[in-house]
Amino acid sequence: MSTDLARMVRLLNVYTISTFVALAGLLFGFDISSISGVVGTDQYKDFFGNPLGTRQGGITSGMAVGSLVGALSSSFVGDKFSRKIAIQCGAIFWCIGAAIQSASNGVAMLIAGRIVSGVCIGLTSSLVPIYQSEIAPRKIRGRIIVFQTLAITVGIMIQYFIQYGCSFIDSEAAFRIPWAVQAIPAIFLIIGLFWLPRSPRWLASVNRWDEALQVLAYLRTGIGDINDPLVLAEYKEIEDQIRTEREENSNSYRELFSRKIRKRLFLSMALQMWSQLSGMNVLMYYIVYVLKSAGIANTTLASSILYIINMVMTIPCLIWTDQLGRRPSLLVGAVFMSIWFFIIGGLLLQYGEPNPVANEPYTWIINENPAVSRTILAVSYLAVATFAVAWGPISWIYPPEVAPLRVRAKSVALSTAANWATNFALGFAVPPLLRSLKWGMFFLFGFFNIAAFINVLVAVPETKQRTLEEMDEIFEHGKPLWKSFTGMGDTNRLDRLAREIEMGHLTVRHKPDA
């Protein structure tokens, strides 16, 4: 490892690295509120011809189309060029997309810009959690990956307030300026990544063993002690897994759908899909429509509070996910999300009436019933808070955790692609559904959350506090997946290996770089 690389890693640690790379999540958040912040403004409506129904759905879902492409290509780019380089490539796409959106002369060009930006989101939403999971110690891996989700919520809030401030500009600049400034954090991300290390597991996978050990040592000890027992134990786990994978000599694409791996792949894809089908995107992309349908007059203030709640309520998950675990949070989150959406749908059904005004995004309204309107607003806040502490962060933690190294990038690419395919369907379908199903749309999302609860209950194991190399045991221990893997009591394999190394019972030989 070069002196420059050693100095670079010494100045950083897992927290600072993960926080910086989470700038990619900030871009994701920017995109979400770049639409929700403008759909209700006169400047946007006038310039783009007051897009409604499928036309607005096409604008919103353009990002998901690009994200699907980016997610599917992330495995190849991330495995061949490293997670770090692939994230930089994604940020370049973001800058190009932001330029096209800010210069758009109509709906077609706006959609094209959102598709290009979406390629970035697809790449980074797949690879940032992988990178974070591969550099993180097992005891704080969940917390480290949650940094990306926290960055998404911060990005949503920042961009919304930028949009709000610019909404007072009585010209096209009201939406062009916010779309242009989205490129600023991407530029910082591109430049800053040059000073971050590559994933030690990726380095090992391409036979850069010396560098893998030294990066791992700096990340775990801060001083680069390659003789630390825990560092050597983790290095040996990585080495053993890679050796086993190479001895099996399997084709990674074929193995991805093998009996051993496919249940992990399908679980990861299911969690990503359920997070989208929870109904959160209705509140994120189209909160203005929902609030106006509910009879809320000051949608700007109400929306800003919602985005603040979304950010603040991600912090508890950052603190407790590695103690309480992934599975309980998903189960409780699904139950409460279903309750909140059934309440919203029930109130709209009981107290709503057809909208007498034509050419509105919503055809069902609460009219002059402040108590019901405030209740719907409060329950919307509760739904956002519930998602932020449960499904929002954890649906991104699980996929990079459970897949073996040889297929990790491909597995996460497909699970993220499932997310974006669902995101596209919802972004396109929600505006017409809001006009046709009215209150029924909220019942639909309530039932989706019940289905998600059942899926998690029977098929999702607990993964907290386990190394990435222990996931084979968790999924193959012979009991139903909902029964947590206990291994060797309270002491896991990494700790046992470290003790054996420290006592001299086990020697780890450093492999030279190929």
Protein backbone atom coordinates (compact mmCIF):
# COMPACT_ATOMS: atom_id res chain seq x y z
CA MET A 1 0.00 0.00 0.00
CA SER A 2 1.45 3.39 -0.95
CA THR A 3 2.34 6.06 1.62
CA ASP A 4 -0.31 8.35 0.13
CA LEU A 5 -3.01 5.69 0.50
CA ALA A 6 -1.93 4.98 4.09
CA ARG A 7 -2.06 8.68 4.93
CA MET A 8 -5.44 8.98 3.22
CA VAL A 9 -7.02 6.16 5.23
CA ARG A 10 -5.42 7.36 8.48
CA LEU A 11 -7.23 10.68 8.14
CA LEU A 12 -10.54 8.90 7.71
CA ASN A 13 -12.59 6.27 9.49
CA VAL A 14 -15.65 4.21 8.71
CA TYR A 15 -18.01 6.96 9.89
CA THR A 16 -16.47 9.80 7.90
CA ILE A 17 -16.11 7.65 4.77
CA SER A 18 -19.71 6.46 4.95
CA THR A 19 -21.01 9.95 5.65
CA PHE A 20 -19.21 11.38 2.64
CA VAL A 21 -20.18 8.63 0.21
CA ALA A 22 -23.77 9.11 1.40
CA LEU A 23 -23.75 12.34 -0.64
CA ALA A 24 -25.10 10.00 -3.32
CA GLY A 25 -28.18 9.60 -1.12
CA LEU A 26 -28.46 13.38 -0.95
CA LEU A 27 -28.83 13.38 -4.74
CA PHE A 28 -31.61 10.81 -4.48
CA GLY A 29 -33.43 13.05 -1.99
CA PHE A 30 -32.94 16.09 -4.20
CA ASP A 31 -34.70 14.32 -7.02
CA ILE A 32 -37.72 13.32 -4.94
CA SER A 33 -38.51 16.84 -3.76
CA SER A 34 -37.45 18.44 -7.06
CA ILE A 35 -40.84 17.24 -8.32
CA SER A 36 -42.97 17.41 -5.18
CA GLY A 37 -41.81 20.97 -4.58
CA VAL A 38 -42.92 22.30 -7.96
CA VAL A 39 -46.01 20.35 -9.06
CA GLY A 40 -48.27 22.81 -7.25
CA THR A 41 -46.60 26.03 -8.44
CA ASP A 42 -48.09 28.24 -11.13
CA GLN A 43 -44.73 28.64 -12.87
CA TYR A 44 -44.40 24.88 -13.41
CA LYS A 45 -48.02 24.47 -14.48
CA ASP A 46 -47.87 27.37 -16.93
CA PHE A 47 -44.60 26.38 -18.60
CA PHE A 48 -45.31 22.64 -18.91
CA GLY A 49 -49.02 22.97 -19.72
CA ASN A 50 -50.47 21.90 -16.34
CA PRO A 51 -49.54 18.20 -16.70
CA LEU A 52 -52.12 15.86 -15.18
CA GLY A 53 -52.66 12.11 -14.92
CA THR A 54 -50.35 10.00 -17.05
CA ARG A 55 -48.48 13.06 -18.35
CA GLN A 56 -47.37 14.04 -14.85
CA GLY A 57 -46.82 10.36 -14.11
CA GLY A 58 -44.46 10.17 -17.08
CA ILE A 59 -42.45 13.14 -15.78
CA THR A 60 -42.19 11.72 -12.28
CA SER A 61 -41.39 8.16 -13.37
CA GLY A 62 -38.72 9.23 -15.88
CA MET A 63 -36.18 9.11 -13.08
CA ALA A 64 -37.20 5.53 -12.24
CA VAL A 65 -36.63 4.45 -15.86
CA GLY A 66 -33.04 5.70 -15.75
CA SER A 67 -32.59 4.26 -12.28
CA LEU A 68 -33.65 0.85 -13.53
CA VAL A 69 -30.98 1.03 -16.25
CA GLY A 70 -28.38 2.23 -13.76
CA ALA A 71 -29.23 -0.47 -11.22
CA LEU A 72 -29.01 -3.26 -13.80
CA SER A 73 -25.62 -2.02 -15.03
CA SER A 74 -24.23 -1.46 -11.53
CA SER A 75 -23.09 -5.06 -11.04
CA PHE A 76 -20.83 -5.04 -14.09
CA VAL A 77 -19.40 -1.57 -13.44
CA GLY A 78 -19.04 -2.14 -9.69
CA ASP A 79 -17.30 -5.52 -10.05
CA LYS A 80 -14.98 -4.51 -12.88
CA PHE A 81 -13.93 -0.98 -11.89
CA SER A 82 -14.61 -1.06 -8.11
CA ARG A 83 -17.50 0.30 -6.11
CA LYS A 84 -15.77 3.67 -5.74
CA ILE A 85 -15.16 4.31 -9.44
CA ALA A 86 -18.70 3.23 -10.32
CA ILE A 87 -20.15 5.74 -7.84
CA GLN A 88 -18.05 8.47 -9.45
CA CYS A 89 -19.39 7.50 -12.87
CA GLY A 90 -22.92 7.77 -11.50
CA ALA A 91 -22.26 11.28 -10.19
CA ILE A 92 -21.14 12.35 -13.67
CA PHE A 93 -24.48 11.17 -15.08
CA TRP A 94 -26.20 13.24 -12.38
CA CYS A 95 -24.45 16.44 -13.44
CA ILE A 96 -25.45 15.86 -17.06
CA GLY A 97 -29.06 15.12 -16.09
CA ALA A 98 -29.28 18.23 -13.90
CA ALA A 99 -28.06 20.37 -16.80
CA ILE A 100 -30.67 18.89 -19.18
CA GLN A 101 -33.51 19.36 -16.67
CA SER A 102 -32.61 22.94 -15.86
CA ALA A 103 -32.45 23.79 -19.59
CA SER A 104 -35.57 21.81 -20.58
CA ASN A 105 -37.84 23.44 -23.15
CA GLY A 106 -40.77 21.09 -22.66
CA VAL A 107 -42.02 17.87 -21.14
CA ALA A 108 -39.99 15.61 -23.46
CA MET A 109 -36.66 17.23 -22.58
CA LEU A 110 -37.55 17.26 -18.87
CA ILE A 111 -38.27 13.53 -18.96
CA ALA A 112 -34.99 12.93 -20.84
CA GLY A 113 -33.05 14.84 -18.17
CA ARG A 114 -34.73 12.86 -15.41
CA ILE A 115 -33.87 9.59 -17.16
CA VAL A 116 -30.18 10.57 -17.35
CA SER A 117 -30.18 11.62 -13.68
CA GLY A 118 -31.89 8.34 -12.89
CA VAL A 119 -28.90 6.38 -14.21
CA CYS A 120 -26.90 7.95 -11.40
CA ILE A 121 -29.50 7.05 -8.78
CA GLY A 122 -29.65 3.46 -10.03
CA LEU A 123 -25.87 3.06 -9.88
CA THR A 124 -25.38 4.75 -6.53
CA SER A 125 -28.43 3.32 -4.74
CA SER A 126 -27.06 -0.16 -5.57
CA LEU A 127 -23.37 0.43 -4.90
CA VAL A 128 -23.27 2.83 -1.95
CA PRO A 129 -24.89 0.28 0.44
CA ILE A 130 -22.52 -2.41 -0.90
CA TYR A 131 -19.50 -0.17 -0.35
CA GLN A 132 -20.69 0.80 3.13
CA SER A 133 -21.44 -2.81 4.12
CA GLU A 134 -18.03 -3.99 2.88
CA ILE A 135 -16.05 -1.43 4.91
CA ALA A 136 -18.17 -1.53 8.08
CA PRO A 137 -17.46 -3.64 11.18
CA ARG A 138 -20.26 -6.14 11.81
CA LYS A 139 -21.45 -4.48 15.03
CA ILE A 140 -22.29 -1.15 13.37
CA ARG A 141 -22.96 -2.24 9.79
CA GLY A 142 -26.66 -1.39 9.97
CA ARG A 143 -25.92 2.07 11.35
CA ILE A 144 -23.35 2.72 8.62
CA ILE A 145 -25.77 1.84 5.82
CA VAL A 146 -28.50 3.99 7.41
CA PHE A 147 -26.29 7.02 6.68
CA GLN A 148 -27.41 6.74 3.06
CA THR A 149 -31.09 6.83 4.04
CA LEU A 150 -30.47 9.76 6.38
CA ALA A 151 -28.77 11.58 3.50
CA ILE A 152 -31.81 10.90 1.29
CA THR A 153 -34.11 12.52 3.87
CA VAL A 154 -31.76 15.48 4.27
CA GLY A 155 -31.67 15.90 0.50
CA ILE A 156 -35.46 15.84 0.30
CA MET A 157 -35.72 18.56 2.93
CA ILE A 158 -32.96 20.80 1.54
CA GLN A 159 -34.26 20.66 -2.02
CA TYR A 160 -37.83 21.29 -0.88
CA PHE A 161 -36.82 24.51 0.86
CA ILE A 162 -34.75 25.56 -2.15
CA GLN A 163 -37.84 24.97 -4.27
CA TYR A 164 -39.98 26.88 -1.79
CA GLY A 165 -37.64 29.88 -1.81
CA CYS A 166 -37.46 29.92 -5.59
CA SER A 167 -41.25 29.63 -5.90
CA PHE A 168 -41.45 33.37 -5.17
CA ILE A 169 -39.55 34.09 -8.38
CA ASP A 170 -42.14 35.03 -10.98
CA SER A 171 -40.40 33.38 -13.93
CA GLU A 172 -39.08 30.06 -15.23
CA ALA A 173 -36.14 30.46 -12.85
CA ALA A 174 -38.50 29.24 -10.13
CA PHE A 175 -37.84 25.67 -11.24
CA ARG A 176 -34.69 26.02 -13.36
CA ILE A 177 -32.48 27.23 -10.50
CA PRO A 178 -33.34 24.36 -8.10
CA TRP A 179 -32.83 21.78 -10.84
CA ALA A 180 -29.43 23.30 -11.73
CA VAL A 181 -28.06 23.49 -8.16
CA GLN A 182 -28.59 19.74 -7.82
CA ALA A 183 -25.24 19.29 -9.56
CA ILE A 184 -23.25 20.92 -6.74
CA PRO A 185 -23.11 17.97 -4.27
CA ALA A 186 -22.41 15.60 -7.19
CA ILE A 187 -19.31 17.61 -8.09
CA PHE A 188 -18.09 17.36 -4.47
CA LEU A 189 -18.75 13.62 -4.54
CA ILE A 190 -16.77 13.08 -7.76
CA ILE A 191 -13.75 14.98 -6.42
CA GLY A 192 -13.85 13.67 -2.85
CA LEU A 193 -14.01 10.00 -3.84
CA PHE A 194 -10.43 10.21 -5.13
CA TRP A 195 -9.34 10.34 -1.48
CA LEU A 196 -11.41 7.41 -0.27
CA PRO A 197 -10.14 3.80 -0.17
CA ARG A 198 -11.56 1.00 -2.25
CA SER A 199 -13.54 -1.73 -0.52
CA PRO A 200 -11.15 -4.27 1.07
CA ARG A 201 -13.46 -7.10 -0.05
CA TRP A 202 -13.41 -5.87 -3.63
CA LEU A 203 -9.60 -5.57 -3.47
CA ALA A 204 -9.39 -9.17 -2.28
CA SER A 205 -11.74 -10.33 -5.02
CA VAL A 206 -9.34 -8.98 -7.66
CA ASN A 207 -6.26 -10.46 -5.90
CA ARG A 208 -4.97 -7.20 -4.44
CA TRP A 209 -4.44 -8.96 -1.12
CA ASP A 210 -1.74 -6.73 0.32
CA GLU A 211 -3.80 -3.62 -0.20
CA ALA A 212 -6.94 -5.36 1.08
CA LEU A 213 -5.25 -6.27 4.37
CA GLN A 214 -3.77 -2.83 4.87
CA VAL A 215 -7.01 -0.98 4.10
CA LEU A 216 -8.85 -3.33 6.45
CA ALA A 217 -6.23 -2.72 9.15
CA TYR A 218 -6.51 1.06 8.87
CA LEU A 219 -10.31 0.93 8.88
CA ARG A 220 -10.43 -1.31 11.97
CA THR A 221 -7.54 0.00 14.07
CA GLY A 222 -6.92 3.52 12.78
CA ILE A 223 -3.15 2.91 12.88
CA GLY A 224 -2.84 0.20 10.25
CA ASP A 225 -1.92 -2.65 12.61
CA ILE A 226 -1.97 -5.66 10.28
CA ASN A 227 -1.19 -7.98 13.20
CA ASP A 228 -4.30 -7.11 15.19
CA PRO A 229 -6.15 -10.42 15.90
CA LEU A 230 -9.57 -9.11 14.87
CA VAL A 231 -8.15 -7.68 11.64
CA LEU A 232 -6.47 -11.00 10.83
CA ALA A 233 -9.65 -12.90 11.73
CA GLU A 234 -11.73 -10.80 9.35
CA TYR A 235 -9.06 -11.06 6.68
CA LYS A 236 -9.11 -14.85 7.04
CA GLU A 237 -12.91 -14.95 6.74
CA ILE A 238 -12.68 -12.98 3.50
CA GLU A 239 -9.88 -15.20 2.24
CA ASP A 240 -11.75 -18.41 3.11
CA GLN A 241 -14.92 -17.27 1.41
CA ILE A 242 -13.13 -16.24 -1.78
CA ARG A 243 -11.19 -19.52 -1.86
CA THR A 244 -14.41 -21.51 -1.44
CA GLU A 245 -16.10 -19.54 -4.19
CA ARG A 246 -13.20 -20.14 -6.57
CA GLU A 247 -13.04 -23.84 -5.77
CA GLU A 248 -16.72 -24.14 -6.66
CA ASN A 249 -15.84 -22.45 -9.98
CA SER A 250 -19.45 -21.45 -10.56
CA ASN A 251 -20.83 -18.97 -13.02
CA SER A 252 -22.08 -16.06 -10.91
CA TYR A 253 -25.12 -15.42 -13.09
CA ARG A 254 -26.13 -19.07 -12.96
CA GLU A 255 -25.45 -19.27 -9.24
CA LEU A 256 -27.56 -16.19 -8.59
CA PHE A 257 -30.63 -18.26 -9.41
CA SER A 258 -29.35 -21.48 -7.86
CA ARG A 259 -31.32 -23.08 -5.05
CA LYS A 260 -28.82 -21.83 -2.48
CA ILE A 261 -28.82 -18.17 -3.49
CA ARG A 262 -32.16 -17.48 -5.11
CA LYS A 263 -34.12 -17.30 -1.86
CA ARG A 264 -31.78 -14.53 -0.69
CA LEU A 265 -32.16 -12.75 -4.03
CA PHE A 266 -35.96 -13.02 -3.99
CA LEU A 267 -36.12 -11.85 -0.37
CA SER A 268 -33.98 -8.82 -1.18
CA MET A 269 -36.13 -8.01 -4.20
CA ALA A 270 -39.31 -8.46 -2.16
CA LEU A 271 -38.13 -6.08 0.57
CA GLN A 272 -37.23 -3.44 -1.99
CA MET A 273 -40.62 -3.82 -3.68
CA TRP A 274 -42.56 -3.71 -0.40
CA SER A 275 -40.76 -0.52 0.63
CA GLN A 276 -42.13 1.12 -2.52
CA LEU A 277 -45.59 -0.44 -2.18
CA SER A 278 -45.84 0.81 1.42
CA GLY A 279 -47.34 4.02 0.02
CA MET A 280 -44.49 6.26 1.05
CA ASN A 281 -43.94 7.51 -2.48
CA VAL A 282 -47.51 8.77 -2.60
CA LEU A 283 -46.62 11.05 0.30
CA MET A 284 -43.18 11.97 -1.01
CA TYR A 285 -43.90 12.70 -4.69
CA TYR A 286 -47.55 13.76 -4.50
CA ILE A 287 -48.02 15.11 -0.98
CA VAL A 288 -49.39 18.38 -2.40
CA TYR A 289 -52.17 16.47 -4.18
CA VAL A 290 -53.01 14.44 -1.06
CA LEU A 291 -53.12 17.48 1.20
CA LYS A 292 -55.26 19.53 -1.18
CA SER A 293 -57.63 16.59 -1.54
CA ALA A 294 -57.81 16.44 2.27
CA GLY A 295 -58.77 20.12 2.47
CA ILE A 296 -55.45 21.47 3.78
CA ALA A 297 -55.09 25.09 2.70
CA ASN A 298 -51.41 25.79 3.48
CA THR A 299 -49.82 22.83 1.71
CA THR A 300 -46.39 24.48 1.66
CA LEU A 301 -46.09 24.61 5.45
CA ALA A 302 -47.65 21.17 5.88
CA SER A 303 -45.28 19.61 3.33
CA SER A 304 -42.21 21.18 4.92
CA ILE A 305 -43.13 19.71 8.31
CA LEU A 306 -43.56 16.30 6.68
CA TYR A 307 -40.05 16.42 5.21
CA ILE A 308 -38.56 17.51 8.54
CA ILE A 309 -40.29 14.57 10.27
CA ASN A 310 -38.92 12.24 7.61
CA MET A 311 -35.37 13.38 8.35
CA VAL A 312 -35.60 13.48 12.15
CA MET A 313 -37.28 10.07 12.47
CA THR A 314 -34.50 8.37 10.48
CA ILE A 315 -32.09 9.12 13.34
CA PRO A 316 -33.60 6.59 15.82
CA CYS A 317 -33.03 3.81 13.29
CA LEU A 318 -29.42 5.01 12.98
CA ILE A 319 -29.06 4.47 16.73
CA TRP A 320 -30.92 1.23 17.38
CA THR A 321 -30.92 -0.95 14.25
CA ASP A 322 -27.80 -2.85 15.33
CA GLN A 323 -29.27 -3.49 18.79
CA LEU A 324 -32.95 -4.21 18.14
CA GLY A 325 -32.39 -5.81 14.75
CA ARG A 326 -33.84 -5.58 11.26
CA ARG A 327 -36.72 -8.07 11.52
CA PRO A 328 -38.69 -6.51 14.43
CA SER A 329 -38.49 -3.05 12.85
CA LEU A 330 -39.86 -4.34 9.54
CA LEU A 331 -42.73 -6.20 11.22
CA VAL A 332 -43.83 -3.32 13.43
CA GLY A 333 -43.37 -0.83 10.60
CA ALA A 334 -45.61 -2.82 8.22
CA VAL A 335 -48.39 -3.09 10.81
CA PHE A 336 -48.47 0.61 11.56
CA MET A 337 -48.11 1.67 7.92
CA SER A 338 -51.20 -0.38 7.08
CA ILE A 339 -53.12 1.21 9.96
CA TRP A 340 -52.26 4.76 8.86
CA PHE A 341 -53.29 4.20 5.23
CA PHE A 342 -56.56 2.51 6.22
CA ILE A 343 -57.35 5.51 8.43
CA ILE A 344 -56.65 8.00 5.63
CA GLY A 345 -58.76 6.00 3.17
CA GLY A 346 -61.56 5.57 5.70
CA LEU A 347 -61.73 9.28 6.50
CA LEU A 348 -61.80 10.21 2.82
CA LEU A 349 -64.54 7.63 2.20
CA GLN A 350 -66.68 8.76 5.13
CA TYR A 351 -66.32 12.52 4.88
CA GLY A 352 -65.26 13.17 1.28
CA GLU A 353 -67.25 14.16 -1.77
CA PRO A 354 -66.62 14.54 -5.53
CA ASN A 355 -64.46 17.51 -6.48
CA PRO A 356 -66.70 20.03 -8.30
CA VAL A 357 -63.70 21.66 -10.01
CA ALA A 358 -62.62 20.07 -13.29
CA ASN A 359 -59.01 19.51 -14.42
CA GLU A 360 -57.66 19.00 -10.92
CA PRO A 361 -55.17 16.24 -10.03
CA TYR A 362 -57.64 14.89 -7.45
CA THR A 363 -61.35 14.15 -7.93
CA TRP A 364 -62.32 13.54 -4.28
CA ILE A 365 -62.09 16.18 -1.53
CA ILE A 366 -62.79 16.91 2.11
CA ASN A 367 -64.84 20.10 2.08
CA GLU A 368 -65.09 22.41 5.12
CA ASN A 369 -64.37 19.81 7.77
CA PRO A 370 -61.24 21.11 9.57
CA ALA A 371 -61.16 18.31 12.17
CA VAL A 372 -61.05 15.58 9.52
CA SER A 373 -58.51 17.53 7.45
CA ARG A 374 -56.21 17.92 10.45
CA THR A 375 -56.60 14.23 11.30
CA ILE A 376 -55.57 13.19 7.79
CA LEU A 377 -52.59 15.53 8.02
CA ALA A 378 -51.56 14.08 11.40
CA VAL A 379 -51.91 10.49 10.18
CA SER A 380 -49.84 11.35 7.08
CA TYR A 381 -47.12 12.57 9.43
CA LEU A 382 -47.34 9.32 11.42
CA ALA A 383 -47.05 7.26 8.22
CA VAL A 384 -43.90 9.15 7.20
CA ALA A 385 -42.43 8.79 10.71
CA THR A 386 -43.14 5.05 10.72
CA PHE A 387 -41.52 4.53 7.33
CA ALA A 388 -38.49 6.60 8.35
CA VAL A 389 -37.71 4.44 11.39
CA ALA A 390 -38.38 1.09 9.75
CA TRP A 391 -38.80 0.27 6.06
CA GLY A 392 -36.99 3.31 4.70
CA PRO A 393 -33.52 2.47 6.08
CA ILE A 394 -33.77 -1.31 6.58
CA SER A 395 -34.89 -2.15 3.05
CA TRP A 396 -31.48 -0.80 1.96
CA ILE A 397 -29.51 -2.58 4.72
CA TYR A 398 -30.67 -6.09 3.97
CA PRO A 399 -29.75 -6.72 0.27
CA PRO A 400 -25.97 -6.06 0.53
CA GLU A 401 -25.79 -8.02 3.79
CA VAL A 402 -27.19 -11.35 2.66
CA ALA A 403 -25.52 -12.01 -0.71
CA PRO A 404 -22.09 -13.74 -0.98
CA LEU A 405 -19.24 -11.62 -2.31
CA ARG A 406 -19.11 -13.37 -5.70
CA VAL A 407 -22.71 -12.39 -6.50
CA ARG A 408 -23.21 -9.43 -4.16
CA ALA A 409 -23.13 -6.71 -6.80
CA LYS A 410 -25.40 -8.68 -9.12
CA SER A 411 -27.87 -9.56 -6.35
CA VAL A 412 -28.07 -5.97 -5.12
CA ALA A 413 -28.39 -4.76 -8.71
CA LEU A 414 -31.45 -6.95 -9.27
CA SER A 415 -33.03 -6.07 -5.91
CA THR A 416 -32.49 -2.37 -6.59
CA ALA A 417 -33.87 -2.86 -10.10
CA ALA A 418 -37.00 -4.33 -8.50
CA ASN A 419 -37.21 -1.18 -6.38
CA TRP A 420 -36.98 1.08 -9.41
CA ALA A 421 -39.35 -0.96 -11.53
CA THR A 422 -41.92 -0.63 -8.74
CA ASN A 423 -41.04 3.03 -8.33
CA PHE A 424 -41.63 3.59 -12.03
CA ALA A 425 -44.99 1.83 -11.91
CA LEU A 426 -46.10 3.90 -8.92
CA GLY A 427 -44.75 7.20 -10.23
CA PHE A 428 -46.64 6.65 -13.45
CA ALA A 429 -49.81 5.15 -11.94
CA VAL A 430 -50.47 7.22 -8.81
CA PRO A 431 -51.72 10.42 -10.54
CA PRO A 432 -54.39 8.57 -12.58
CA LEU A 433 -55.18 6.29 -9.60
CA LEU A 434 -55.72 9.33 -7.40
CA ARG A 435 -58.26 10.56 -9.94
CA SER A 436 -59.99 7.21 -10.53
CA LEU A 437 -59.76 5.20 -7.29
CA LYS A 438 -59.98 8.26 -5.03
CA TRP A 439 -60.04 7.03 -1.41
CA GLY A 440 -59.64 3.43 -2.60
CA MET A 441 -56.02 4.05 -3.47
CA PHE A 442 -55.16 4.39 0.23
CA PHE A 443 -56.88 1.10 1.05
CA LEU A 444 -54.79 -0.52 -1.69
CA PHE A 445 -51.55 0.55 0.00
CA GLY A 446 -52.92 -0.59 3.36
CA PHE A 447 -53.35 -4.11 1.95
CA PHE A 448 -49.86 -4.00 0.44
CA ASN A 449 -48.45 -3.38 3.93
CA ILE A 450 -50.35 -6.37 5.32
CA ALA A 451 -48.81 -8.55 2.59
CA ALA A 452 -45.37 -7.16 3.46
CA PHE A 453 -45.90 -8.08 7.13
CA ILE A 454 -46.74 -11.69 6.21
CA ASN A 455 -43.71 -11.95 3.92
CA VAL A 456 -41.33 -10.69 6.59
CA LEU A 457 -42.92 -12.86 9.28
CA VAL A 458 -42.31 -16.14 7.48
CA ALA A 459 -39.27 -15.49 5.29
CA VAL A 460 -36.89 -12.83 6.65
CA PRO A 461 -34.13 -13.88 9.10
CA GLU A 462 -32.31 -11.60 11.53
CA THR A 463 -28.84 -10.49 10.36
CA LYS A 464 -27.70 -8.03 13.03
CA GLN A 465 -24.22 -8.39 14.56
CA ARG A 466 -23.12 -11.02 12.02
CA THR A 467 -20.27 -10.70 9.55
CA LEU A 468 -21.00 -10.76 5.84
CA GLU A 469 -19.19 -14.10 5.63
CA GLU A 470 -21.59 -15.68 8.17
CA MET A 471 -24.67 -15.24 6.00
CA ASP A 472 -24.29 -18.71 4.47
CA GLU A 473 -24.80 -20.20 7.94
CA ILE A 474 -27.78 -17.95 8.67
CA PHE A 475 -29.59 -19.08 5.54
CA GLU A 476 -28.49 -22.72 5.63
CA HIS A 477 -28.79 -23.61 9.35
CA GLY A 478 -31.68 -25.98 8.65
CA LYS A 479 -34.47 -24.22 10.53
CA PRO A 480 -37.23 -21.89 9.25
CA LEU A 481 -35.76 -18.50 8.37
CA TRP A 482 -37.94 -16.72 10.92
CA LYS A 483 -36.07 -18.62 13.67
CA SER A 484 -32.90 -16.62 14.24
CA PHE A 485 -29.55 -18.32 13.68
CA THR A 486 -27.72 -18.64 17.01
CA GLY A 487 -24.46 -20.18 15.83
CA MET A 488 -22.12 -20.92 18.75
CA GLY A 489 -24.11 -19.25 21.49
CA ASP A 490 -23.23 -15.64 22.18
CA THR A 491 -19.79 -15.84 20.58
CA ASN A 492 -19.67 -15.65 16.82
CA ARG A 493 -17.08 -17.06 14.47
CA LEU A 494 -15.07 -13.85 14.10
CA ASP A 495 -14.46 -13.59 17.84
CA ARG A 496 -13.46 -17.26 18.02
CA LEU A 497 -10.99 -16.82 15.16
CA ALA A 498 -9.49 -13.72 16.80
CA ARG A 499 -8.93 -15.62 20.07
CA GLU A 500 -7.29 -18.53 18.26
CA ILE A 501 -4.97 -16.15 16.42
CA GLU A 502 -4.13 -14.24 19.60
CA MET A 503 -3.30 -17.51 21.43
CA GLY A 504 -1.14 -18.72 18.55
CA HIS A 505 -3.39 -21.66 17.69
CA LEU A 506 -4.02 -20.32 14.20
CA THR A 507 -1.64 -18.60 11.80
CA VAL A 508 -2.83 -16.36 8.99
CA ARG A 509 -0.49 -16.18 6.04
CA HIS A 510 -0.64 -12.97 4.05
CA LYS A 511 -1.28 -13.66 0.38
CA PRO A 512 0.91 -11.67 -2.04
CA ASP A 513 -0.81 -9.54 -4.65
CA ALA A 514 -1.33 -11.29 -7.98
